Amino acid sequence: MTLRPLALLAAIGLAGAAQAHDYGSGGLTVLHPFAIETAERATTGAGYFAIRNDGDVTDALIAVEADFPKVTLHEAVETDGMMTMQPLERIEIAPGKTVTLAPGRGGHVMFMGLEDPFEVDERFAATLVFETAGPVEVEFVVEPRPEAGAPREGMDHGDTDHEAMDHEAMGHEAMGHGEMNHGDMDHGAMTGGDEAPAAAQ
């Protein structure tokens, strides 16, 4: 799966400008990391953000670290009419480009093994690890779950049909990522047909 950069739109995620918070390292800027509130018994939560590259060389996000049993990058993709989860090994950000992970377009960070649900306005620390820029310390802010059918922006999947894809169709947002236990799913087996494991270019 190839992920292509998406120009940053005026609104990122669900929060207004007053709540925006950015972090930088070298030529990279991580814009507005946020997570979505989860159901009461949820054991998995999702996080989102945008990455802008103002530098001269391509860099790549290769890991996200936080104080949870497991943290991974994932993408929900549609193959032959079926929704599947695929791991993202890296997300590349070319010079002058911005890559955005947002609800409703598949790309997200999975925080697995929650002991307590994510509640609105809760904050937690995380580290985004880049291939060149190295670790960038950020803080995720938990925001309300988006309403069904609300317009969202996300990663540009180029010529695929993912532009029209909405997590509501699979109940992904409505479940708050709790009833779908990503930790127990065999993501390795969900390769989406002949596509290689997701790697951004």
N, C-alpha and C. Protein backbone atom coordinates (compact mmCIF):
# COMPACT_ATOMS: atom_id res chain seq x y z
N MET A 1 0.85 -1.19 0.00
CA MET A 1 0.00 0.00 0.00
C MET A 1 0.87 1.23 0.00
N THR A 2 0.63 2.14 -0.92
CA THR A 2 1.41 3.36 -1.02
C THR A 2 0.60 4.54 -0.52
N LEU A 3 1.15 5.29 0.42
CA LEU A 3 0.49 6.47 0.94
C LEU A 3 1.17 7.70 0.36
N ARG A 4 0.39 8.63 -0.15
CA ARG A 4 0.96 9.83 -0.75
C ARG A 4 0.63 11.03 0.11
N PRO A 5 1.50 12.04 0.15
CA PRO A 5 1.27 13.20 1.00
C PRO A 5 0.00 13.94 0.62
N LEU A 6 -0.63 14.55 1.61
CA LEU A 6 -1.83 15.35 1.41
C LEU A 6 -1.56 16.74 1.94
N ALA A 7 -1.83 17.75 1.15
CA ALA A 7 -1.63 19.12 1.61
C ALA A 7 -2.49 19.37 2.84
N LEU A 8 -1.91 20.01 3.83
CA LEU A 8 -2.61 20.25 5.10
C LEU A 8 -3.76 21.20 4.88
N LEU A 9 -4.95 20.81 5.31
CA LEU A 9 -6.11 21.67 5.20
C LEU A 9 -6.22 22.56 6.43
N ALA A 10 -7.11 23.53 6.38
CA ALA A 10 -7.18 24.51 7.45
C ALA A 10 -7.54 23.88 8.78
N ALA A 11 -8.41 22.88 8.76
CA ALA A 11 -8.81 22.24 10.02
C ALA A 11 -8.23 20.85 10.07
N ILE A 12 -7.64 20.49 11.18
CA ILE A 12 -7.08 19.16 11.37
C ILE A 12 -7.88 18.48 12.46
N GLY A 13 -8.40 17.27 12.16
CA GLY A 13 -9.14 16.55 13.16
C GLY A 13 -10.42 17.28 13.50
N LEU A 14 -10.75 17.31 14.81
CA LEU A 14 -12.02 17.84 15.25
C LEU A 14 -11.88 19.13 16.03
N ALA A 15 -10.68 19.49 16.44
CA ALA A 15 -10.51 20.63 17.33
C ALA A 15 -10.36 21.92 16.57
N GLY A 16 -10.69 23.02 17.22
CA GLY A 16 -10.51 24.34 16.64
C GLY A 16 -9.08 24.80 16.80
N ALA A 17 -8.80 25.95 16.22
CA ALA A 17 -7.44 26.47 16.23
C ALA A 17 -6.94 26.71 17.64
N ALA A 18 -7.86 27.05 18.54
CA ALA A 18 -7.45 27.36 19.91
C ALA A 18 -6.84 26.16 20.60
N GLN A 19 -7.18 24.94 20.15
CA GLN A 19 -6.67 23.74 20.78
C GLN A 19 -5.45 23.17 20.07
N ALA A 20 -5.06 23.78 18.97
CA ALA A 20 -3.96 23.23 18.18
C ALA A 20 -2.66 23.25 18.98
N HIS A 21 -1.88 22.20 18.81
CA HIS A 21 -0.58 22.13 19.47
C HIS A 21 0.37 21.40 18.54
N ASP A 22 1.55 22.02 18.33
CA ASP A 22 2.51 21.52 17.36
C ASP A 22 3.85 21.25 18.02
N TYR A 23 4.63 20.33 17.40
CA TYR A 23 5.94 19.96 17.92
C TYR A 23 6.88 19.81 16.74
N GLY A 24 8.15 20.21 16.91
CA GLY A 24 9.06 20.17 15.79
C GLY A 24 10.41 19.58 16.12
N SER A 25 11.07 19.11 15.07
CA SER A 25 12.45 18.64 15.15
C SER A 25 13.07 18.79 13.77
N GLY A 26 14.10 19.62 13.68
CA GLY A 26 14.71 19.86 12.38
C GLY A 26 13.71 20.49 11.44
N GLY A 27 13.53 19.89 10.27
CA GLY A 27 12.58 20.42 9.31
C GLY A 27 11.18 19.86 9.46
N LEU A 28 10.96 18.97 10.44
CA LEU A 28 9.65 18.36 10.61
C LEU A 28 8.82 19.08 11.66
N THR A 29 7.52 19.15 11.43
CA THR A 29 6.59 19.66 12.42
C THR A 29 5.43 18.67 12.55
N VAL A 30 5.17 18.24 13.78
CA VAL A 30 4.03 17.37 14.07
C VAL A 30 2.89 18.27 14.53
N LEU A 31 1.80 18.25 13.81
CA LEU A 31 0.69 19.16 14.07
C LEU A 31 -0.48 18.45 14.74
N HIS A 32 -0.86 18.98 15.86
CA HIS A 32 -2.09 18.61 16.57
C HIS A 32 -2.31 17.11 16.76
N PRO A 33 -1.49 16.45 17.55
CA PRO A 33 -1.76 15.04 17.87
C PRO A 33 -3.02 14.94 18.74
N PHE A 34 -3.94 14.08 18.37
CA PHE A 34 -5.14 13.89 19.18
C PHE A 34 -5.60 12.45 19.11
N ALA A 35 -6.33 12.04 20.14
CA ALA A 35 -6.93 10.71 20.19
C ALA A 35 -8.44 10.88 20.31
N ILE A 36 -9.17 9.82 20.01
CA ILE A 36 -10.63 9.85 20.07
C ILE A 36 -11.11 9.15 21.34
N GLU A 37 -12.08 9.76 22.01
CA GLU A 37 -12.63 9.13 23.21
C GLU A 37 -13.13 7.73 22.88
N THR A 38 -13.04 6.84 23.85
CA THR A 38 -13.42 5.45 23.63
C THR A 38 -14.60 5.06 24.50
N ALA A 39 -15.19 3.92 24.18
CA ALA A 39 -16.26 3.37 24.99
C ALA A 39 -15.72 2.96 26.36
N GLU A 40 -16.62 2.78 27.30
CA GLU A 40 -16.22 2.52 28.69
C GLU A 40 -15.34 1.29 28.84
N ARG A 41 -15.64 0.24 28.09
CA ARG A 41 -14.88 -1.00 28.23
C ARG A 41 -13.86 -1.18 27.11
N ALA A 42 -13.54 -0.12 26.41
CA ALA A 42 -12.60 -0.21 25.29
C ALA A 42 -11.21 -0.61 25.79
N THR A 43 -10.54 -1.43 25.03
CA THR A 43 -9.15 -1.79 25.33
C THR A 43 -8.19 -1.27 24.28
N THR A 44 -8.74 -0.61 23.25
CA THR A 44 -7.93 -0.07 22.16
C THR A 44 -8.42 1.32 21.80
N GLY A 45 -7.48 2.25 21.60
CA GLY A 45 -7.82 3.60 21.20
C GLY A 45 -7.05 4.00 19.96
N ALA A 46 -7.50 5.07 19.30
CA ALA A 46 -6.87 5.52 18.06
C ALA A 46 -6.37 6.95 18.19
N GLY A 47 -5.22 7.22 17.57
CA GLY A 47 -4.63 8.55 17.59
C GLY A 47 -4.34 9.05 16.19
N TYR A 48 -4.31 10.37 16.03
CA TYR A 48 -4.14 10.99 14.72
C TYR A 48 -3.26 12.24 14.84
N PHE A 49 -2.72 12.70 13.72
CA PHE A 49 -1.91 13.91 13.66
C PHE A 49 -1.52 14.16 12.22
N ALA A 50 -0.85 15.30 11.98
CA ALA A 50 -0.28 15.58 10.66
C ALA A 50 1.20 15.84 10.85
N ILE A 51 1.98 15.57 9.79
CA ILE A 51 3.42 15.80 9.80
C ILE A 51 3.79 16.63 8.58
N ARG A 52 4.39 17.79 8.81
CA ARG A 52 4.81 18.66 7.72
C ARG A 52 6.33 18.63 7.61
N ASN A 53 6.83 18.50 6.40
CA ASN A 53 8.27 18.47 6.17
C ASN A 53 8.71 19.75 5.47
N ASP A 54 9.33 20.66 6.23
CA ASP A 54 9.85 21.90 5.67
C ASP A 54 11.33 21.79 5.34
N GLY A 55 11.88 20.59 5.47
CA GLY A 55 13.30 20.39 5.22
C GLY A 55 13.61 20.10 3.76
N ASP A 56 14.83 19.67 3.52
CA ASP A 56 15.30 19.43 2.16
C ASP A 56 15.38 17.95 1.79
N VAL A 57 15.14 17.07 2.76
CA VAL A 57 15.25 15.64 2.50
C VAL A 57 13.99 14.92 2.99
N THR A 58 13.71 13.79 2.36
CA THR A 58 12.59 12.96 2.78
C THR A 58 12.91 12.30 4.12
N ASP A 59 11.92 12.30 5.01
CA ASP A 59 12.07 11.59 6.27
C ASP A 59 10.90 10.62 6.38
N ALA A 60 10.93 9.75 7.40
CA ALA A 60 9.87 8.76 7.55
C ALA A 60 9.58 8.51 9.02
N LEU A 61 8.29 8.44 9.34
CA LEU A 61 7.87 8.02 10.67
C LEU A 61 7.96 6.50 10.71
N ILE A 62 8.72 5.97 11.66
CA ILE A 62 8.92 4.52 11.70
C ILE A 62 8.36 3.87 12.96
N ALA A 63 7.97 4.67 13.95
CA ALA A 63 7.40 4.09 15.16
C ALA A 63 6.75 5.18 16.00
N VAL A 64 5.82 4.76 16.84
CA VAL A 64 5.23 5.62 17.86
C VAL A 64 5.32 4.88 19.18
N GLU A 65 5.84 5.55 20.20
CA GLU A 65 6.02 4.94 21.51
C GLU A 65 5.19 5.68 22.55
N ALA A 66 4.55 4.94 23.44
CA ALA A 66 3.75 5.54 24.50
C ALA A 66 3.59 4.50 25.61
N ASP A 67 3.07 4.92 26.75
CA ASP A 67 2.98 4.05 27.92
C ASP A 67 1.73 3.17 27.85
N PHE A 68 1.71 2.31 26.84
CA PHE A 68 0.66 1.32 26.67
C PHE A 68 1.33 -0.01 26.32
N PRO A 69 0.66 -1.13 26.56
CA PRO A 69 1.28 -2.42 26.26
C PRO A 69 1.76 -2.56 24.82
N LYS A 70 1.03 -1.95 23.88
CA LYS A 70 1.44 -2.05 22.48
C LYS A 70 0.95 -0.82 21.73
N VAL A 71 1.82 -0.23 20.91
CA VAL A 71 1.47 0.92 20.09
C VAL A 71 1.95 0.64 18.66
N THR A 72 1.05 0.74 17.70
CA THR A 72 1.41 0.43 16.31
C THR A 72 0.73 1.42 15.37
N LEU A 73 1.28 1.51 14.16
CA LEU A 73 0.66 2.27 13.07
C LEU A 73 -0.16 1.31 12.22
N HIS A 74 -1.39 1.70 11.90
CA HIS A 74 -2.27 0.85 11.10
C HIS A 74 -2.97 1.67 10.04
N GLU A 75 -3.51 0.95 9.06
CA GLU A 75 -4.39 1.56 8.07
C GLU A 75 -5.53 0.60 7.79
N ALA A 76 -6.75 1.14 7.73
CA ALA A 76 -7.91 0.37 7.29
C ALA A 76 -8.02 0.53 5.78
N VAL A 77 -8.06 -0.58 5.07
CA VAL A 77 -8.15 -0.53 3.61
C VAL A 77 -9.30 -1.41 3.14
N GLU A 78 -9.78 -1.13 1.95
CA GLU A 78 -10.86 -1.91 1.36
C GLU A 78 -10.32 -2.72 0.19
N THR A 79 -10.53 -4.01 0.24
CA THR A 79 -10.09 -4.90 -0.83
C THR A 79 -11.26 -5.80 -1.22
N ASP A 80 -11.68 -5.72 -2.48
CA ASP A 80 -12.80 -6.51 -2.98
C ASP A 80 -14.03 -6.34 -2.12
N GLY A 81 -14.27 -5.09 -1.70
CA GLY A 81 -15.45 -4.80 -0.91
C GLY A 81 -15.35 -5.16 0.56
N MET A 82 -14.20 -5.66 1.00
CA MET A 82 -14.01 -6.05 2.39
C MET A 82 -13.04 -5.09 3.08
N MET A 83 -13.36 -4.68 4.31
CA MET A 83 -12.48 -3.83 5.08
C MET A 83 -11.48 -4.69 5.85
N THR A 84 -10.20 -4.33 5.75
CA THR A 84 -9.17 -5.07 6.47
C THR A 84 -8.23 -4.08 7.15
N MET A 85 -7.52 -4.57 8.16
CA MET A 85 -6.52 -3.77 8.85
C MET A 85 -5.13 -4.21 8.40
N GLN A 86 -4.28 -3.24 8.07
CA GLN A 86 -2.91 -3.55 7.68
C GLN A 86 -1.95 -2.71 8.51
N PRO A 87 -0.85 -3.29 8.94
CA PRO A 87 0.16 -2.50 9.66
C PRO A 87 0.90 -1.57 8.70
N LEU A 88 1.27 -0.41 9.20
CA LEU A 88 2.11 0.52 8.45
C LEU A 88 3.51 0.47 9.03
N GLU A 89 4.47 0.04 8.26
CA GLU A 89 5.83 -0.05 8.74
C GLU A 89 6.53 1.30 8.75
N ARG A 90 6.12 2.21 7.84
CA ARG A 90 6.73 3.53 7.76
C ARG A 90 5.81 4.45 6.99
N ILE A 91 5.90 5.73 7.29
CA ILE A 91 5.15 6.75 6.56
C ILE A 91 6.16 7.81 6.14
N GLU A 92 6.40 7.91 4.86
CA GLU A 92 7.38 8.86 4.36
C GLU A 92 6.75 10.24 4.13
N ILE A 93 7.55 11.28 4.42
CA ILE A 93 7.12 12.65 4.23
C ILE A 93 8.16 13.34 3.36
N ALA A 94 7.82 13.64 2.13
CA ALA A 94 8.75 14.27 1.20
C ALA A 94 8.91 15.75 1.53
N PRO A 95 10.02 16.35 1.11
CA PRO A 95 10.23 17.78 1.35
C PRO A 95 9.09 18.62 0.78
N GLY A 96 8.64 19.59 1.57
CA GLY A 96 7.57 20.47 1.13
C GLY A 96 6.19 19.87 1.19
N LYS A 97 6.06 18.65 1.74
CA LYS A 97 4.77 17.96 1.79
C LYS A 97 4.30 17.78 3.23
N THR A 98 3.00 17.50 3.35
CA THR A 98 2.39 17.19 4.64
C THR A 98 1.58 15.91 4.51
N VAL A 99 1.77 15.00 5.44
CA VAL A 99 0.97 13.77 5.49
C VAL A 99 0.05 13.88 6.71
N THR A 100 -1.23 13.62 6.50
CA THR A 100 -2.22 13.78 7.57
C THR A 100 -2.91 12.46 7.85
N LEU A 101 -2.91 12.05 9.09
CA LEU A 101 -3.70 10.91 9.56
C LEU A 101 -4.91 11.48 10.27
N ALA A 102 -6.11 11.12 9.83
CA ALA A 102 -7.33 11.67 10.41
C ALA A 102 -8.44 10.63 10.37
N PRO A 103 -9.44 10.73 11.25
CA PRO A 103 -10.55 9.78 11.24
C PRO A 103 -11.25 9.75 9.89
N GLY A 104 -11.65 8.56 9.48
CA GLY A 104 -12.42 8.41 8.26
C GLY A 104 -11.62 8.12 7.02
N ARG A 105 -10.28 8.03 7.14
CA ARG A 105 -9.47 7.75 5.97
C ARG A 105 -8.50 6.60 6.19
N GLY A 106 -8.57 5.95 7.33
CA GLY A 106 -7.82 4.71 7.49
C GLY A 106 -6.56 4.79 8.31
N GLY A 107 -5.69 5.78 8.08
CA GLY A 107 -4.42 5.82 8.78
C GLY A 107 -4.59 6.27 10.22
N HIS A 108 -3.98 5.55 11.15
CA HIS A 108 -4.10 5.92 12.56
C HIS A 108 -3.07 5.19 13.40
N VAL A 109 -2.86 5.69 14.60
CA VAL A 109 -2.04 5.00 15.59
C VAL A 109 -2.97 4.21 16.49
N MET A 110 -2.62 2.96 16.76
CA MET A 110 -3.42 2.15 17.67
C MET A 110 -2.72 2.05 19.02
N PHE A 111 -3.42 2.47 20.07
CA PHE A 111 -2.94 2.33 21.44
C PHE A 111 -3.68 1.14 22.05
N MET A 112 -2.98 0.04 22.26
CA MET A 112 -3.60 -1.21 22.67
C MET A 112 -3.35 -1.54 24.14
N GLY A 113 -4.32 -2.21 24.73
CA GLY A 113 -4.18 -2.63 26.12
C GLY A 113 -4.57 -1.54 27.11
N LEU A 114 -5.58 -0.73 26.78
CA LEU A 114 -6.01 0.33 27.68
C LEU A 114 -6.55 -0.26 28.98
N GLU A 115 -6.12 0.29 30.09
CA GLU A 115 -6.69 -0.10 31.39
C GLU A 115 -7.91 0.75 31.73
N ASP A 116 -7.94 1.96 31.20
CA ASP A 116 -9.07 2.87 31.38
C ASP A 116 -9.40 3.48 30.02
N PRO A 117 -10.67 3.84 29.81
CA PRO A 117 -11.04 4.43 28.51
C PRO A 117 -10.43 5.81 28.33
N PHE A 118 -10.29 6.23 27.08
CA PHE A 118 -9.89 7.60 26.78
C PHE A 118 -11.08 8.51 27.05
N GLU A 119 -10.88 9.54 27.87
CA GLU A 119 -11.94 10.50 28.17
C GLU A 119 -11.59 11.86 27.59
N VAL A 120 -12.61 12.61 27.18
CA VAL A 120 -12.41 13.91 26.56
C VAL A 120 -11.56 14.82 27.45
N ASP A 121 -10.59 15.48 26.84
CA ASP A 121 -9.65 16.41 27.48
C ASP A 121 -8.52 15.72 28.24
N GLU A 122 -8.55 14.39 28.28
CA GLU A 122 -7.41 13.66 28.85
C GLU A 122 -6.19 13.87 27.96
N ARG A 123 -5.00 13.88 28.56
CA ARG A 123 -3.76 14.06 27.82
C ARG A 123 -2.78 12.95 28.18
N PHE A 124 -1.98 12.54 27.21
CA PHE A 124 -0.94 11.57 27.50
C PHE A 124 0.23 11.78 26.56
N ALA A 125 1.41 11.47 27.06
CA ALA A 125 2.65 11.69 26.30
C ALA A 125 2.92 10.54 25.35
N ALA A 126 3.61 10.84 24.27
CA ALA A 126 4.04 9.83 23.31
C ALA A 126 5.29 10.35 22.61
N THR A 127 5.98 9.44 21.95
CA THR A 127 7.17 9.80 21.19
C THR A 127 7.01 9.29 19.76
N LEU A 128 7.13 10.19 18.81
CA LEU A 128 7.13 9.81 17.40
C LEU A 128 8.59 9.65 16.97
N VAL A 129 8.91 8.48 16.43
CA VAL A 129 10.29 8.19 16.06
C VAL A 129 10.44 8.30 14.54
N PHE A 130 11.34 9.22 14.12
CA PHE A 130 11.56 9.44 12.70
C PHE A 130 12.92 8.88 12.30
N GLU A 131 13.01 8.43 11.07
CA GLU A 131 14.22 7.80 10.58
C GLU A 131 15.42 8.75 10.60
N THR A 132 15.21 10.01 10.25
CA THR A 132 16.29 10.98 10.21
C THR A 132 16.25 11.96 11.38
N ALA A 133 15.10 12.52 11.64
CA ALA A 133 14.96 13.53 12.70
C ALA A 133 15.07 12.93 14.09
N GLY A 134 14.86 11.60 14.21
CA GLY A 134 14.94 10.96 15.52
C GLY A 134 13.64 11.11 16.30
N PRO A 135 13.69 10.97 17.63
CA PRO A 135 12.47 11.01 18.44
C PRO A 135 11.95 12.43 18.62
N VAL A 136 10.63 12.57 18.57
CA VAL A 136 9.96 13.84 18.83
C VAL A 136 8.91 13.60 19.91
N GLU A 137 9.07 14.27 21.04
CA GLU A 137 8.13 14.13 22.15
C GLU A 137 6.87 14.95 21.86
N VAL A 138 5.70 14.33 22.00
CA VAL A 138 4.44 15.02 21.74
C VAL A 138 3.46 14.70 22.87
N GLU A 139 2.34 15.40 22.85
CA GLU A 139 1.26 15.12 23.79
C GLU A 139 -0.03 14.98 23.01
N PHE A 140 -0.72 13.86 23.19
CA PHE A 140 -2.03 13.64 22.58
C PHE A 140 -3.12 14.19 23.50
N VAL A 141 -4.10 14.85 22.91
CA VAL A 141 -5.26 15.34 23.64
C VAL A 141 -6.48 14.56 23.15
N VAL A 142 -7.26 14.02 24.09
CA VAL A 142 -8.43 13.22 23.72
C VAL A 142 -9.59 14.15 23.37
N GLU A 143 -10.19 13.90 22.21
CA GLU A 143 -11.30 14.72 21.71
C GLU A 143 -12.56 13.88 21.57
N PRO A 144 -13.73 14.54 21.49
CA PRO A 144 -14.99 13.79 21.38
C PRO A 144 -15.02 12.93 20.13
N ARG A 145 -15.74 11.84 20.22
CA ARG A 145 -15.93 10.97 19.07
C ARG A 145 -16.71 11.71 17.99
N PRO A 146 -16.26 11.67 16.74
CA PRO A 146 -16.96 12.40 15.68
C PRO A 146 -18.34 11.83 15.44
N GLU A 147 -19.26 12.71 15.05
CA GLU A 147 -20.61 12.26 14.75
C GLU A 147 -20.63 11.51 13.44
N ALA A 148 -21.54 10.56 13.33
CA ALA A 148 -21.66 9.77 12.11
C ALA A 148 -21.94 10.68 10.93
N GLY A 149 -21.18 10.47 9.84
CA GLY A 149 -21.40 11.23 8.63
C GLY A 149 -20.70 12.56 8.59
N ALA A 150 -20.00 12.93 9.68
CA ALA A 150 -19.30 14.21 9.69
C ALA A 150 -18.15 14.17 8.70
N PRO A 151 -17.95 15.26 7.92
CA PRO A 151 -16.84 15.27 6.96
C PRO A 151 -15.51 15.28 7.65
N ARG A 152 -14.54 14.54 7.11
CA ARG A 152 -13.21 14.46 7.71
C ARG A 152 -12.17 14.49 6.61
N GLU A 153 -10.98 14.90 6.97
CA GLU A 153 -9.87 14.85 6.04
C GLU A 153 -8.92 13.75 6.47
N GLY A 154 -8.10 13.26 5.55
CA GLY A 154 -7.16 12.22 5.93
C GLY A 154 -6.09 12.01 4.90
N MET A 155 -5.46 10.86 4.95
CA MET A 155 -4.35 10.59 4.03
C MET A 155 -4.85 10.41 2.61
N ASP A 156 -4.06 10.96 1.67
CA ASP A 156 -4.37 10.83 0.26
C ASP A 156 -3.88 9.48 -0.24
N HIS A 157 -4.81 8.67 -0.70
CA HIS A 157 -4.44 7.34 -1.19
C HIS A 157 -4.31 7.30 -2.71
N GLY A 158 -4.08 8.43 -3.31
CA GLY A 158 -3.80 8.48 -4.74
C GLY A 158 -4.97 8.04 -5.59
N ASP A 159 -4.74 7.02 -6.43
CA ASP A 159 -5.75 6.60 -7.39
C ASP A 159 -6.66 5.52 -6.86
N THR A 160 -6.56 5.18 -5.59
CA THR A 160 -7.44 4.14 -5.06
C THR A 160 -8.80 4.72 -4.75
N ASP A 161 -9.70 3.87 -4.31
CA ASP A 161 -11.06 4.30 -3.98
C ASP A 161 -11.18 4.72 -2.53
N HIS A 162 -10.07 4.87 -1.82
CA HIS A 162 -10.15 5.17 -0.40
C HIS A 162 -10.62 6.56 -0.10
N GLU A 163 -10.61 7.47 -1.12
CA GLU A 163 -11.11 8.81 -0.87
C GLU A 163 -12.57 8.77 -0.44
N ALA A 164 -13.30 7.78 -0.97
CA ALA A 164 -14.72 7.68 -0.65
C ALA A 164 -14.96 6.80 0.56
N MET A 165 -13.95 6.21 1.10
CA MET A 165 -14.11 5.27 2.20
C MET A 165 -14.40 6.00 3.50
N ASP A 166 -15.33 5.50 4.26
CA ASP A 166 -15.66 6.08 5.55
C ASP A 166 -15.71 4.96 6.57
N HIS A 167 -15.06 5.18 7.72
CA HIS A 167 -15.07 4.16 8.77
C HIS A 167 -16.47 3.87 9.27
N GLU A 168 -17.42 4.81 9.07
CA GLU A 168 -18.77 4.55 9.55
C GLU A 168 -19.35 3.31 8.89
N ALA A 169 -18.94 3.05 7.65
CA ALA A 169 -19.49 1.91 6.92
C ALA A 169 -19.15 0.60 7.60
N MET A 170 -18.07 0.58 8.35
CA MET A 170 -17.70 -0.65 9.03
C MET A 170 -17.89 -0.53 10.54
N GLY A 171 -18.51 0.61 10.95
CA GLY A 171 -18.76 0.78 12.37
C GLY A 171 -17.52 1.05 13.17
N HIS A 172 -16.43 1.44 12.52
CA HIS A 172 -15.14 1.59 13.19
C HIS A 172 -15.16 2.71 14.20
N GLU A 173 -15.68 3.90 13.79
CA GLU A 173 -15.74 5.02 14.71
C GLU A 173 -16.82 4.79 15.75
N ALA A 174 -17.97 4.26 15.31
CA ALA A 174 -19.08 4.07 16.23
C ALA A 174 -18.72 3.13 17.36
N MET A 175 -17.83 2.19 17.09
CA MET A 175 -17.42 1.25 18.12
C MET A 175 -16.38 1.85 19.04
N GLY A 176 -15.88 3.02 18.69
CA GLY A 176 -14.88 3.65 19.52
C GLY A 176 -13.60 2.85 19.61
N HIS A 177 -13.37 1.97 18.64
CA HIS A 177 -12.18 1.12 18.61
C HIS A 177 -12.12 0.16 19.79
N GLY A 178 -13.19 0.13 20.58
CA GLY A 178 -13.15 -0.74 21.74
C GLY A 178 -13.65 -2.13 21.44
N GLU A 179 -14.83 -2.20 20.77
CA GLU A 179 -15.42 -3.50 20.47
C GLU A 179 -14.64 -4.23 19.40
N MET A 180 -13.86 -3.51 18.62
CA MET A 180 -12.97 -4.17 17.67
C MET A 180 -11.62 -4.29 18.34
N ASN A 181 -11.27 -5.47 18.78
CA ASN A 181 -10.03 -5.64 19.52
C ASN A 181 -8.87 -5.84 18.57
N HIS A 182 -8.16 -4.74 18.27
CA HIS A 182 -7.05 -4.81 17.33
C HIS A 182 -5.93 -5.71 17.85
N GLY A 183 -5.83 -5.81 19.16
CA GLY A 183 -4.74 -6.60 19.71
C GLY A 183 -4.87 -8.07 19.39
N ASP A 184 -6.13 -8.53 19.28
CA ASP A 184 -6.35 -9.95 19.02
C ASP A 184 -6.44 -10.27 17.54
N MET A 185 -6.47 -9.24 16.68
CA MET A 185 -6.59 -9.49 15.26
C MET A 185 -5.25 -9.87 14.67
N ASP A 186 -5.28 -10.74 13.69
CA ASP A 186 -4.06 -11.14 13.00
C ASP A 186 -3.83 -10.20 11.84
N HIS A 187 -3.15 -9.08 12.12
CA HIS A 187 -2.94 -8.09 11.08
C HIS A 187 -2.02 -8.61 9.98
N GLY A 188 -1.16 -9.50 10.35
CA GLY A 188 -0.23 -10.01 9.35
C GLY A 188 -0.94 -10.78 8.25
N ALA A 189 -2.04 -11.45 8.61
CA ALA A 189 -2.77 -12.23 7.62
C ALA A 189 -3.66 -11.35 6.76
N MET A 190 -3.88 -10.10 7.19
CA MET A 190 -4.76 -9.21 6.46
C MET A 190 -3.94 -8.37 5.51
N THR A 191 -3.41 -8.94 4.50
CA THR A 191 -2.50 -8.22 3.61
C THR A 191 -3.21 -7.59 2.45
N GLY A 192 -4.53 -7.75 2.37
CA GLY A 192 -5.26 -7.11 1.29
C GLY A 192 -4.89 -7.64 -0.08
N GLY A 193 -4.96 -8.94 -0.24
CA GLY A 193 -4.71 -9.54 -1.55
C GLY A 193 -3.23 -9.58 -1.85
N ASP A 194 -2.84 -9.08 -3.03
CA ASP A 194 -1.46 -9.16 -3.47
C ASP A 194 -0.62 -7.97 -3.02
N GLU A 195 -1.24 -7.02 -2.25
CA GLU A 195 -0.48 -5.85 -1.84
C GLU A 195 0.54 -6.21 -0.78
N ALA A 196 1.69 -5.60 -0.84
CA ALA A 196 2.72 -5.81 0.18
C ALA A 196 2.32 -5.12 1.44
N PRO A 197 2.94 -5.47 2.60
CA PRO A 197 2.65 -4.75 3.84
C PRO A 197 2.83 -3.27 3.61
N ALA A 198 1.90 -2.49 4.21
CA ALA A 198 1.85 -1.05 3.92
C ALA A 198 3.18 -0.37 4.20
N ALA A 199 3.64 0.41 3.24
CA ALA A 199 4.84 1.21 3.43
C ALA A 199 4.66 2.49 2.65
N ALA A 200 4.80 3.62 3.32
CA ALA A 200 4.56 4.91 2.67
C ALA A 200 5.75 5.28 1.80
N GLN A 201 5.45 5.90 0.69
CA GLN A 201 6.48 6.37 -0.22
C GLN A 201 6.19 7.80 -0.63
